[in-house]
Amino acid sequence: MANPAFVEVVKDLNVTIEQASYCTTVFLLLGGVTPLFVVPFANVYGRRILYVIFIVISAVGAYVSAASSSHGGVIVGRALNGLGASIPLGIGAATVSLFNLVHDLSCLTVR
């Protein structure tokens, strides 16, 4: 499976297809590995602060990637974007289950 954007990246940045694929690879690598290290902090410090911090990191990564005119800048931006996007993947299910638990418990209260 190939990303259709690789053709545009190759033209714009004057790189090979293999080098263009690093944009996707670095995003997936950091997006998959980061939750392993960060989710335990969510259990200690709370999920909200991690959501805020990592969404800001993701926004900075998107800006860096969009504003960059070099392949290295795009890679750095995609790395930051993958880092920031990893938290909703890592703790999203736990957050949804917490909301569901609160909803289920609210029907047990006397009104």
PDB file of N, CA and C in Angstrom:
ATOM      1  N   MET A   1       0.845  -1.169   0.000  1.00  0.00           N
ATOM      2  CA  MET A   1       0.000   0.000   0.000  1.00  0.00           C
ATOM      3  C   MET A   1       0.893   1.236   0.000  1.00  0.00           C
ATOM      4  N   ALA A   2       0.638   2.132  -0.918  1.00  0.00           N
ATOM      5  CA  ALA A   2       1.433   3.352  -1.024  1.00  0.00           C
ATOM      6  C   ALA A   2       0.541   4.564  -0.793  1.00  0.00           C
ATOM      7  N   ASN A   3       1.103   5.536  -0.145  1.00  0.00           N
ATOM      8  CA  ASN A   3       0.397   6.777   0.113  1.00  0.00           C
ATOM      9  C   ASN A   3       0.351   7.590  -1.177  1.00  0.00           C
ATOM     10  N   PRO A   4      -0.820   8.036  -1.634  1.00  0.00           N
ATOM     11  CA  PRO A   4      -0.890   8.805  -2.872  1.00  0.00           C
ATOM     12  C   PRO A   4      -0.171  10.154  -2.777  1.00  0.00           C
ATOM     13  N   ALA A   5       0.069  10.628  -1.586  1.00  0.00           N
ATOM     14  CA  ALA A   5       0.756  11.912  -1.429  1.00  0.00           C
ATOM     15  C   ALA A   5       2.248  11.807  -1.687  1.00  0.00           C
ATOM     16  N   PHE A   6       2.778  10.592  -1.766  1.00  0.00           N
ATOM     17  CA  PHE A   6       4.214  10.427  -2.012  1.00  0.00           C
ATOM     18  C   PHE A   6       4.644  11.084  -3.311  1.00  0.00           C
ATOM     19  N   VAL A   7       3.807  11.033  -4.327  1.00  0.00           N
ATOM     20  CA  VAL A   7       4.148  11.639  -5.620  1.00  0.00           C
ATOM     21  C   VAL A   7       4.337  13.143  -5.462  1.00  0.00           C
ATOM     22  N   GLU A   8       3.459  13.775  -4.715  1.00  0.00           N
ATOM     23  CA  GLU A   8       3.569  15.226  -4.491  1.00  0.00           C
ATOM     24  C   GLU A   8       4.784  15.567  -3.636  1.00  0.00           C
ATOM     25  N   VAL A   9       5.049  14.746  -2.633  1.00  0.00           N
ATOM     26  CA  VAL A   9       6.206  14.986  -1.768  1.00  0.00           C
ATOM     27  C   VAL A   9       7.493  14.853  -2.571  1.00  0.00           C
ATOM     28  N   VAL A  10       7.555  13.855  -3.438  1.00  0.00           N
ATOM     29  CA  VAL A  10       8.734  13.653  -4.279  1.00  0.00           C
ATOM     30  C   VAL A  10       8.963  14.874  -5.171  1.00  0.00           C
ATOM     31  N   LYS A  11       7.904  15.385  -5.768  1.00  0.00           N
ATOM     32  CA  LYS A  11       8.029  16.560  -6.645  1.00  0.00           C
ATOM     33  C   LYS A  11       8.431  17.810  -5.868  1.00  0.00           C
ATOM     34  N   ASP A  12       7.770  18.052  -4.740  1.00  0.00           N
ATOM     35  CA  ASP A  12       7.992  19.291  -3.988  1.00  0.00           C
ATOM     36  C   ASP A  12       9.346  19.340  -3.295  1.00  0.00           C
ATOM     37  N   LEU A  13       9.784  18.211  -2.744  1.00  0.00           N
ATOM     38  CA  LEU A  13      11.001  18.214  -1.925  1.00  0.00           C
ATOM     39  C   LEU A  13      12.217  17.614  -2.629  1.00  0.00           C
ATOM     40  N   ASN A  14      12.028  17.144  -3.865  1.00  0.00           N
ATOM     41  CA  ASN A  14      13.126  16.552  -4.636  1.00  0.00           C
ATOM     42  C   ASN A  14      13.809  15.405  -3.884  1.00  0.00           C
ATOM     43  N   VAL A  15      12.998  14.441  -3.456  1.00  0.00           N
ATOM     44  CA  VAL A  15      13.505  13.260  -2.752  1.00  0.00           C
ATOM     45  C   VAL A  15      13.003  12.013  -3.478  1.00  0.00           C
ATOM     46  N   THR A  16      13.510  10.861  -3.075  1.00  0.00           N
ATOM     47  CA  THR A  16      13.037   9.604  -3.657  1.00  0.00           C
ATOM     48  C   THR A  16      11.758   9.157  -2.951  1.00  0.00           C
ATOM     49  N   ILE A  17      11.104   8.147  -3.539  1.00  0.00           N
ATOM     50  CA  ILE A  17       9.890   7.594  -2.927  1.00  0.00           C
ATOM     51  C   ILE A  17      10.204   7.023  -1.550  1.00  0.00           C
ATOM     52  N   GLU A  18      11.356   6.377  -1.406  1.00  0.00           N
ATOM     53  CA  GLU A  18      11.738   5.795  -0.109  1.00  0.00           C
ATOM     54  C   GLU A  18      11.906   6.886   0.940  1.00  0.00           C
ATOM     55  N   GLN A  19      12.536   7.989   0.553  1.00  0.00           N
ATOM     56  CA  GLN A  19      12.698   9.091   1.498  1.00  0.00           C
ATOM     57  C   GLN A  19      11.353   9.731   1.829  1.00  0.00           C
ATOM     58  N   ALA A  20      10.472   9.796   0.857  1.00  0.00           N
ATOM     59  CA  ALA A  20       9.137  10.353   1.113  1.00  0.00           C
ATOM     60  C   ALA A  20       8.345   9.471   2.069  1.00  0.00           C
ATOM     61  N   SER A  21       8.590   8.167   2.020  1.00  0.00           N
ATOM     62  CA  SER A  21       7.852   7.261   2.907  1.00  0.00           C
ATOM     63  C   SER A  21       8.251   7.431   4.371  1.00  0.00           C
ATOM     64  N   TYR A  22       9.395   8.042   4.637  1.00  0.00           N
ATOM     65  CA  TYR A  22       9.800   8.285   6.024  1.00  0.00           C
ATOM     66  C   TYR A  22       8.824   9.215   6.735  1.00  0.00           C
ATOM     67  N   CYS A  23       8.127  10.069   5.990  1.00  0.00           N
ATOM     68  CA  CYS A  23       7.135  10.961   6.603  1.00  0.00           C
ATOM     69  C   CYS A  23       6.037  10.153   7.299  1.00  0.00           C
ATOM     70  N   THR A  24       5.595   9.097   6.635  1.00  0.00           N
ATOM     71  CA  THR A  24       4.572   8.239   7.232  1.00  0.00           C
ATOM     72  C   THR A  24       5.163   7.335   8.302  1.00  0.00           C
ATOM     73  N   THR A  25       6.361   6.830   8.039  1.00  0.00           N
ATOM     74  CA  THR A  25       6.992   5.888   8.968  1.00  0.00           C
ATOM     75  C   THR A  25       7.248   6.518  10.326  1.00  0.00           C
ATOM     76  N   VAL A  26       7.784   7.735  10.352  1.00  0.00           N
ATOM     77  CA  VAL A  26       8.108   8.374  11.632  1.00  0.00           C
ATOM     78  C   VAL A  26       6.834   8.702  12.404  1.00  0.00           C
ATOM     79  N   PHE A  27       5.758   9.068  11.699  1.00  0.00           N
ATOM     80  CA  PHE A  27       4.481   9.324  12.361  1.00  0.00           C
ATOM     81  C   PHE A  27       3.955   8.046  13.015  1.00  0.00           C
ATOM     82  N   LEU A  28       3.952   6.952  12.263  1.00  0.00           N
ATOM     83  CA  LEU A  28       3.435   5.688  12.799  1.00  0.00           C
ATOM     84  C   LEU A  28       4.304   5.142  13.928  1.00  0.00           C
ATOM     85  N   LEU A  29       5.608   5.289  13.791  1.00  0.00           N
ATOM     86  CA  LEU A  29       6.516   4.790  14.825  1.00  0.00           C
ATOM     87  C   LEU A  29       6.291   5.516  16.149  1.00  0.00           C
ATOM     88  N   LEU A  30       6.298   6.833  16.119  1.00  0.00           N
ATOM     89  CA  LEU A  30       6.100   7.574  17.365  1.00  0.00           C
ATOM     90  C   LEU A  30       4.660   7.467  17.869  1.00  0.00           C
ATOM     91  N   GLY A  31       3.712   7.392  16.947  1.00  0.00           N
ATOM     92  CA  GLY A  31       2.325   7.234  17.367  1.00  0.00           C
ATOM     93  C   GLY A  31       2.048   5.895  18.027  1.00  0.00           C
ATOM     94  N   GLY A  32       2.820   4.884  17.675  1.00  0.00           N
ATOM     95  CA  GLY A  32       2.608   3.568  18.263  1.00  0.00           C
ATOM     96  C   GLY A  32       3.411   3.299  19.507  1.00  0.00           C
ATOM     97  N   VAL A  33       4.587   3.910  19.627  1.00  0.00           N
ATOM     98  CA  VAL A  33       5.481   3.619  20.747  1.00  0.00           C
ATOM     99  C   VAL A  33       5.235   4.548  21.939  1.00  0.00           C
ATOM    100  N   THR A  34       4.899   5.787  21.684  1.00  0.00           N
ATOM    101  CA  THR A  34       4.753   6.780  22.752  1.00  0.00           C
ATOM    102  C   THR A  34       3.739   6.390  23.831  1.00  0.00           C
ATOM    103  N   PRO A  35       2.558   5.839  23.479  1.00  0.00           N
ATOM    104  CA  PRO A  35       1.612   5.487  24.554  1.00  0.00           C
ATOM    105  C   PRO A  35       2.167   4.488  25.559  1.00  0.00           C
ATOM    106  N   LEU A  36       3.081   3.650  25.137  1.00  0.00           N
ATOM    107  CA  LEU A  36       3.662   2.685  26.077  1.00  0.00           C
ATOM    108  C   LEU A  36       4.363   3.373  27.240  1.00  0.00           C
ATOM    109  N   PHE A  37       4.917   4.541  26.976  1.00  0.00           N
ATOM    110  CA  PHE A  37       5.670   5.260  28.005  1.00  0.00           C
ATOM    111  C   PHE A  37       4.848   6.341  28.704  1.00  0.00           C
ATOM    112  N   VAL A  38       3.823   6.861  28.046  1.00  0.00           N
ATOM    113  CA  VAL A  38       3.108   8.023  28.568  1.00  0.00           C
ATOM    114  C   VAL A  38       1.844   7.642  29.339  1.00  0.00           C
ATOM    115  N   VAL A  39       1.199   6.550  28.970  1.00  0.00           N
ATOM    116  CA  VAL A  39      -0.051   6.159  29.631  1.00  0.00           C
ATOM    117  C   VAL A  39       0.113   5.979  31.143  1.00  0.00           C
ATOM    118  N   PRO A  40       1.217   5.431  31.652  1.00  0.00           N
ATOM    119  CA  PRO A  40       1.360   5.373  33.115  1.00  0.00           C
ATOM    120  C   PRO A  40       1.332   6.747  33.783  1.00  0.00           C
ATOM    121  N   PHE A  41       1.801   7.786  33.096  1.00  0.00           N
ATOM    122  CA  PHE A  41       1.708   9.131  33.654  1.00  0.00           C
ATOM    123  C   PHE A  41       0.258   9.596  33.745  1.00  0.00           C
ATOM    124  N   ALA A  42      -0.585   9.128  32.830  1.00  0.00           N
ATOM    125  CA  ALA A  42      -2.009   9.484  32.879  1.00  0.00           C
ATOM    126  C   ALA A  42      -2.658   8.932  34.141  1.00  0.00           C
ATOM    127  N   ASN A  43      -2.207   7.794  34.584  1.00  0.00           N
ATOM    128  CA  ASN A  43      -2.761   7.205  35.802  1.00  0.00           C
ATOM    129  C   ASN A  43      -2.348   7.977  37.049  1.00  0.00           C
ATOM    130  N   VAL A  44      -1.217   8.673  36.986  1.00  0.00           N
ATOM    131  CA  VAL A  44      -0.714   9.421  38.139  1.00  0.00           C
ATOM    132  C   VAL A  44      -1.180  10.872  38.110  1.00  0.00           C
ATOM    133  N   TYR A  45      -1.000  11.533  36.959  1.00  0.00           N
ATOM    134  CA  TYR A  45      -1.250  12.979  36.871  1.00  0.00           C
ATOM    135  C   TYR A  45      -2.594  13.339  36.256  1.00  0.00           C
ATOM    136  N   GLY A  46      -3.292  12.391  35.697  1.00  0.00           N
ATOM    137  CA  GLY A  46      -4.588  12.653  35.095  1.00  0.00           C
ATOM    138  C   GLY A  46      -4.501  12.715  33.579  1.00  0.00           C
ATOM    139  N   ARG A  47      -5.641  12.473  32.967  1.00  0.00           N
ATOM    140  CA  ARG A  47      -5.677  12.428  31.498  1.00  0.00           C
ATOM    141  C   ARG A  47      -5.777  13.806  30.878  1.00  0.00           C
ATOM    142  N   ARG A  48      -6.453  14.723  31.543  1.00  0.00           N
ATOM    143  CA  ARG A  48      -6.707  16.026  30.940  1.00  0.00           C
ATOM    144  C   ARG A  48      -5.422  16.776  30.627  1.00  0.00           C
ATOM    145  N   ILE A  49      -4.492  16.800  31.539  1.00  0.00           N
ATOM    146  CA  ILE A  49      -3.246  17.533  31.315  1.00  0.00           C
ATOM    147  C   ILE A  49      -2.461  16.906  30.168  1.00  0.00           C
ATOM    148  N   LEU A  50      -2.507  15.575  30.040  1.00  0.00           N
ATOM    149  CA  LEU A  50      -1.822  14.933  28.916  1.00  0.00           C
ATOM    150  C   LEU A  50      -2.499  15.255  27.596  1.00  0.00           C
ATOM    151  N   TYR A  51      -3.824  15.288  27.586  1.00  0.00           N
ATOM    152  CA  TYR A  51      -4.526  15.684  26.365  1.00  0.00           C
ATOM    153  C   TYR A  51      -4.107  17.096  25.938  1.00  0.00           C
ATOM    154  N   VAL A  52      -4.090  18.016  26.863  1.00  0.00           N
ATOM    155  CA  VAL A  52      -3.754  19.410  26.531  1.00  0.00           C
ATOM    156  C   VAL A  52      -2.313  19.512  26.024  1.00  0.00           C
ATOM    157  N   ILE A  53      -1.374  18.922  26.735  1.00  0.00           N
ATOM    158  CA  ILE A  53       0.037  19.014  26.344  1.00  0.00           C
ATOM    159  C   ILE A  53       0.272  18.381  24.976  1.00  0.00           C
ATOM    160  N   PHE A  54      -0.267  17.204  24.770  1.00  0.00           N
ATOM    161  CA  PHE A  54       0.028  16.498  23.529  1.00  0.00           C
ATOM    162  C   PHE A  54      -0.760  17.032  22.340  1.00  0.00           C
ATOM    163  N   ILE A  55      -1.908  17.654  22.564  1.00  0.00           N
ATOM    164  CA  ILE A  55      -2.597  18.304  21.452  1.00  0.00           C
ATOM    165  C   ILE A  55      -1.829  19.542  21.016  1.00  0.00           C
ATOM    166  N   VAL A  56      -1.233  20.263  21.957  1.00  0.00           N
ATOM    167  CA  VAL A  56      -0.376  21.397  21.587  1.00  0.00           C
ATOM    168  C   VAL A  56       0.844  20.907  20.809  1.00  0.00           C
ATOM    169  N   ILE A  57       1.452  19.810  21.244  1.00  0.00           N
ATOM    170  CA  ILE A  57       2.597  19.239  20.513  1.00  0.00           C
ATOM    171  C   ILE A  57       2.177  18.845  19.098  1.00  0.00           C
ATOM    172  N   SER A  58       0.998  18.252  18.961  1.00  0.00           N
ATOM    173  CA  SER A  58       0.519  17.861  17.639  1.00  0.00           C
ATOM    174  C   SER A  58       0.267  19.076  16.750  1.00  0.00           C
ATOM    175  N   ALA A  59      -0.286  20.138  17.316  1.00  0.00           N
ATOM    176  CA  ALA A  59      -0.532  21.359  16.533  1.00  0.00           C
ATOM    177  C   ALA A  59       0.782  21.997  16.092  1.00  0.00           C
ATOM    178  N   VAL A  60       1.774  22.016  16.976  1.00  0.00           N
ATOM    179  CA  VAL A  60       3.092  22.548  16.608  1.00  0.00           C
ATOM    180  C   VAL A  60       3.702  21.695  15.501  1.00  0.00           C
ATOM    181  N   GLY A  61       3.565  20.395  15.602  1.00  0.00           N
ATOM    182  CA  GLY A  61       4.073  19.504  14.564  1.00  0.00           C
ATOM    183  C   GLY A  61       3.406  19.729  13.220  1.00  0.00           C
ATOM    184  N   ALA A  62       2.098  19.954  13.230  1.00  0.00           N
ATOM    185  CA  ALA A  62       1.388  20.235  11.979  1.00  0.00           C
ATOM    186  C   ALA A  62       1.869  21.544  11.367  1.00  0.00           C
ATOM    187  N   TYR A  63       2.088  22.549  12.206  1.00  0.00           N
ATOM    188  CA  TYR A  63       2.585  23.830  11.708  1.00  0.00           C
ATOM    189  C   TYR A  63       3.997  23.691  11.136  1.00  0.00           C
ATOM    190  N   VAL A  64       4.872  23.003  11.857  1.00  0.00           N
ATOM    191  CA  VAL A  64       6.254  22.817  11.392  1.00  0.00           C
ATOM    192  C   VAL A  64       6.264  22.066  10.069  1.00  0.00           C
ATOM    193  N   SER A  65       5.460  21.033   9.969  1.00  0.00           N
ATOM    194  CA  SER A  65       5.400  20.245   8.747  1.00  0.00           C
ATOM    195  C   SER A  65       4.865  21.058   7.575  1.00  0.00           C
ATOM    196  N   ALA A  66       3.857  21.870   7.809  1.00  0.00           N
ATOM    197  CA  ALA A  66       3.273  22.675   6.735  1.00  0.00           C
ATOM    198  C   ALA A  66       4.177  23.825   6.318  1.00  0.00           C
ATOM    199  N   ALA A  67       4.890  24.403   7.263  1.00  0.00           N
ATOM    200  CA  ALA A  67       5.720  25.574   6.964  1.00  0.00           C
ATOM    201  C   ALA A  67       7.100  25.210   6.440  1.00  0.00           C
ATOM    202  N   SER A  68       7.483  23.962   6.543  1.00  0.00           N
ATOM    203  CA  SER A  68       8.832  23.564   6.154  1.00  0.00           C
ATOM    204  C   SER A  68       8.963  23.433   4.638  1.00  0.00           C
ATOM    205  N   SER A  69      10.116  23.810   4.144  1.00  0.00           N
ATOM    206  CA  SER A  69      10.392  23.653   2.715  1.00  0.00           C
ATOM    207  C   SER A  69      11.472  22.597   2.469  1.00  0.00           C
ATOM    208  N   SER A  70      11.893  21.906   3.530  1.00  0.00           N
ATOM    209  CA  SER A  70      12.906  20.871   3.386  1.00  0.00           C
ATOM    210  C   SER A  70      12.361  19.534   3.890  1.00  0.00           C
ATOM    211  N   HIS A  71      12.977  18.481   3.422  1.00  0.00           N
ATOM    212  CA  HIS A  71      12.543  17.148   3.819  1.00  0.00           C
ATOM    213  C   HIS A  71      12.776  16.914   5.310  1.00  0.00           C
ATOM    214  N   GLY A  72      13.882  17.386   5.837  1.00  0.00           N
ATOM    215  CA  GLY A  72      14.166  17.240   7.264  1.00  0.00           C
ATOM    216  C   GLY A  72      13.140  17.949   8.129  1.00  0.00           C
ATOM    217  N   GLY A  73      12.713  19.121   7.706  1.00  0.00           N
ATOM    218  CA  GLY A  73      11.691  19.856   8.451  1.00  0.00           C
ATOM    219  C   GLY A  73      10.358  19.134   8.456  1.00  0.00           C
ATOM    220  N   VAL A  74      10.010  18.534   7.321  1.00  0.00           N
ATOM    221  CA  VAL A  74       8.760  17.771   7.251  1.00  0.00           C
ATOM    222  C   VAL A  74       8.840  16.548   8.167  1.00  0.00           C
ATOM    223  N   ILE A  75       9.989  15.896   8.205  1.00  0.00           N
ATOM    224  CA  ILE A  75      10.166  14.723   9.077  1.00  0.00           C
ATOM    225  C   ILE A  75      10.020  15.131  10.541  1.00  0.00           C
ATOM    226  N   VAL A  76      10.638  16.251  10.921  1.00  0.00           N
ATOM    227  CA  VAL A  76      10.531  16.727  12.308  1.00  0.00           C
ATOM    228  C   VAL A  76       9.075  17.068  12.634  1.00  0.00           C
ATOM    229  N   GLY A  77       8.399  17.732  11.718  1.00  0.00           N
ATOM    230  CA  GLY A  77       6.992  18.063  11.935  1.00  0.00           C
ATOM    231  C   GLY A  77       6.124  16.834  12.063  1.00  0.00           C
ATOM    232  N   ARG A  78       6.356  15.848  11.215  1.00  0.00           N
ATOM    233  CA  ARG A  78       5.577  14.605  11.299  1.00  0.00           C
ATOM    234  C   ARG A  78       5.895  13.828  12.572  1.00  0.00           C
ATOM    235  N   ALA A  79       7.144  13.903  13.025  1.00  0.00           N
ATOM    236  CA  ALA A  79       7.504  13.243  14.285  1.00  0.00           C
ATOM    237  C   ALA A  79       6.750  13.883  15.448  1.00  0.00           C
ATOM    238  N   LEU A  80       6.720  15.208  15.477  1.00  0.00           N
ATOM    239  CA  LEU A  80       5.972  15.899  16.537  1.00  0.00           C
ATOM    240  C   LEU A  80       4.480  15.610  16.423  1.00  0.00           C
ATOM    241  N   ASN A  81       3.983  15.566  15.206  1.00  0.00           N
ATOM    242  CA  ASN A  81       2.572  15.279  15.004  1.00  0.00           C
ATOM    243  C   ASN A  81       2.235  13.862  15.463  1.00  0.00           C
ATOM    244  N   GLY A  82       3.084  12.901  15.172  1.00  0.00           N
ATOM    245  CA  GLY A  82       2.857  11.534  15.643  1.00  0.00           C
ATOM    246  C   GLY A  82       2.931  11.423  17.155  1.00  0.00           C
ATOM    247  N   LEU A  83       3.863  12.162  17.738  1.00  0.00           N
ATOM    248  CA  LEU A  83       3.988  12.188  19.193  1.00  0.00           C
ATOM    249  C   LEU A  83       2.716  12.747  19.830  1.00  0.00           C
ATOM    250  N   GLY A  84       2.220  13.846  19.286  1.00  0.00           N
ATOM    251  CA  GLY A  84       1.018  14.462  19.847  1.00  0.00           C
ATOM    252  C   GLY A  84      -0.243  13.659  19.611  1.00  0.00           C
ATOM    253  N   ALA A  85      -0.332  13.003  18.477  1.00  0.00           N
ATOM    254  CA  ALA A  85      -1.532  12.233  18.153  1.00  0.00           C
ATOM    255  C   ALA A  85      -1.586  10.896  18.875  1.00  0.00           C
ATOM    256  N   SER A  86      -0.518  10.515  19.531  1.00  0.00           N
ATOM    257  CA  SER A  86      -0.478   9.201  20.160  1.00  0.00           C
ATOM    258  C   SER A  86      -1.316   9.122  21.433  1.00  0.00           C
ATOM    259  N   ILE A  87      -1.513  10.220  22.104  1.00  0.00           N
ATOM    260  CA  ILE A  87      -2.224  10.178  23.382  1.00  0.00           C
ATOM    261  C   ILE A  87      -3.706   9.844  23.221  1.00  0.00           C
ATOM    262  N   PRO A  88      -4.426  10.463  22.277  1.00  0.00           N
ATOM    263  CA  PRO A  88      -5.810  10.008  22.105  1.00  0.00           C
ATOM    264  C   PRO A  88      -5.905   8.530  21.733  1.00  0.00           C
ATOM    265  N   LEU A  89      -4.917   8.013  21.030  1.00  0.00           N
ATOM    266  CA  LEU A  89      -4.920   6.584  20.709  1.00  0.00           C
ATOM    267  C   LEU A  89      -4.665   5.745  21.954  1.00  0.00           C
ATOM    268  N   GLY A  90      -3.796   6.229  22.829  1.00  0.00           N
ATOM    269  CA  GLY A  90      -3.410   5.457  23.999  1.00  0.00           C
ATOM    270  C   GLY A  90      -4.405   5.487  25.136  1.00  0.00           C
ATOM    271  N   ILE A  91      -5.017   6.639  25.386  1.00  0.00           N
ATOM    272  CA  ILE A  91      -5.918   6.746  26.537  1.00  0.00           C
ATOM    273  C   ILE A  91      -7.354   7.081  26.144  1.00  0.00           C
ATOM    274  N   GLY A  92      -7.636   7.093  24.851  1.00  0.00           N
ATOM    275  CA  GLY A  92      -8.991   7.408  24.387  1.00  0.00           C
ATOM    276  C   GLY A  92     -10.022   6.404  24.861  1.00  0.00           C
ATOM    277  N   ALA A  93      -9.699   5.124  24.767  1.00  0.00           N
ATOM    278  CA  ALA A  93     -10.653   4.097  25.187  1.00  0.00           C
ATOM    279  C   ALA A  93     -10.929   4.175  26.689  1.00  0.00           C
ATOM    280  N   ALA A  94      -9.894   4.462  27.472  1.00  0.00           N
ATOM    281  CA  ALA A  94     -10.085   4.593  28.925  1.00  0.00           C
ATOM    282  C   ALA A  94     -10.957   5.799  29.253  1.00  0.00           C
ATOM    283  N   THR A  95     -10.801   6.871  28.505  1.00  0.00           N
ATOM    284  CA  THR A  95     -11.616   8.067  28.727  1.00  0.00           C
ATOM    285  C   THR A  95     -13.076   7.795  28.395  1.00  0.00           C
ATOM    286  N   VAL A  96     -13.328   7.128  27.291  1.00  0.00           N
ATOM    287  CA  VAL A  96     -14.700   6.809  26.900  1.00  0.00           C
ATOM    288  C   VAL A  96     -15.337   5.867  27.905  1.00  0.00           C
ATOM    289  N   SER A  97     -14.599   4.887  28.382  1.00  0.00           N
ATOM    290  CA  SER A  97     -15.163   3.958  29.357  1.00  0.00           C
ATOM    291  C   SER A  97     -15.472   4.656  30.681  1.00  0.00           C
ATOM    292  N   LEU A  98     -14.669   5.670  31.030  1.00  0.00           N
ATOM    293  CA  LEU A  98     -14.955   6.430  32.251  1.00  0.00           C
ATOM    294  C   LEU A  98     -16.261   7.205  32.108  1.00  0.00           C
ATOM    295  N   PHE A  99     -16.484   7.820  30.949  1.00  0.00           N
ATOM    296  CA  PHE A  99     -17.740   8.537  30.723  1.00  0.00           C
ATOM    297  C   PHE A  99     -18.918   7.579  30.747  1.00  0.00           C
ATOM    298  N   ASN A 100     -18.745   6.396  30.204  1.00  0.00           N
ATOM    299  CA  ASN A 100     -19.801   5.409  30.208  1.00  0.00           C
ATOM    300  C   ASN A 100     -20.088   4.947  31.625  1.00  0.00           C
ATOM    301  N   LEU A 101     -19.059   4.788  32.451  1.00  0.00           N
ATOM    302  CA  LEU A 101     -19.238   4.382  33.840  1.00  0.00           C
ATOM    303  C   LEU A 101     -20.011   5.446  34.618  1.00  0.00           C
ATOM    304  N   VAL A 102     -19.663   6.712  34.420  1.00  0.00           N
ATOM    305  CA  VAL A 102     -20.379   7.799  35.103  1.00  0.00           C
ATOM    306  C   VAL A 102     -21.845   7.809  34.678  1.00  0.00           C
ATOM    307  N   HIS A 103     -22.093   7.593  33.394  1.00  0.00           N
ATOM    308  CA  HIS A 103     -23.469   7.554  32.905  1.00  0.00           C
ATOM    309  C   HIS A 103     -24.228   6.383  33.520  1.00  0.00           C
ATOM    310  N   ASP A 104     -23.612   5.221  33.587  1.00  0.00           N
ATOM    311  CA  ASP A 104     -24.274   4.049  34.169  1.00  0.00           C
ATOM    312  C   ASP A 104     -24.552   4.242  35.655  1.00  0.00           C
ATOM    313  N   LEU A 105     -23.655   4.882  36.367  1.00  0.00           N
ATOM    314  CA  LEU A 105     -23.858   5.097  37.800  1.00  0.00           C
ATOM    315  C   LEU A 105     -24.897   6.170  38.070  1.00  0.00           C
ATOM    316  N   SER A 106     -25.070   7.109  37.159  1.00  0.00           N
ATOM    317  CA  SER A 106     -26.028   8.190  37.399  1.00  0.00           C
ATOM    318  C   SER A 106     -27.472   7.658  37.406  1.00  0.00           C
ATOM    319  N   CYS A 107     -27.731   6.562  36.742  1.00  0.00           N
ATOM    320  CA  CYS A 107     -29.089   6.026  36.750  1.00  0.00           C
ATOM    321  C   CYS A 107     -29.401   5.306  38.051  1.00  0.00           C
ATOM    322  N   LEU A 108     -28.402   5.060  38.888  1.00  0.00           N
ATOM    323  CA  LEU A 108     -28.626   4.408  40.176  1.00  0.00           C
ATOM    324  C   LEU A 108     -28.928   5.398  41.304  1.00  0.00           C
ATOM    325  N   THR A 109     -28.754   6.679  41.046  1.00  0.00           N
ATOM    326  CA  THR A 109     -28.978   7.670  42.094  1.00  0.00           C
ATOM    327  C   THR A 109     -30.467   7.982  42.228  1.00  0.00           C
ATOM    328  N   VAL A 110     -30.850   8.369  43.435  1.00  0.00           N
ATOM    329  CA  VAL A 110     -32.242   8.739  43.700  1.00  0.00           C
ATOM    330  C   VAL A 110     -32.410  10.215  43.381  1.00  0.00           C
ATOM    331  N   ARG A 111     -33.430  10.530  42.636  1.00  0.00           N
ATOM    332  CA  ARG A 111     -33.648  11.939  42.236  1.00  0.00           C
ATOM    333  C   ARG A 111     -34.779  12.547  42.984  1.00  0.00           C
TER     334      ARG A 111
END
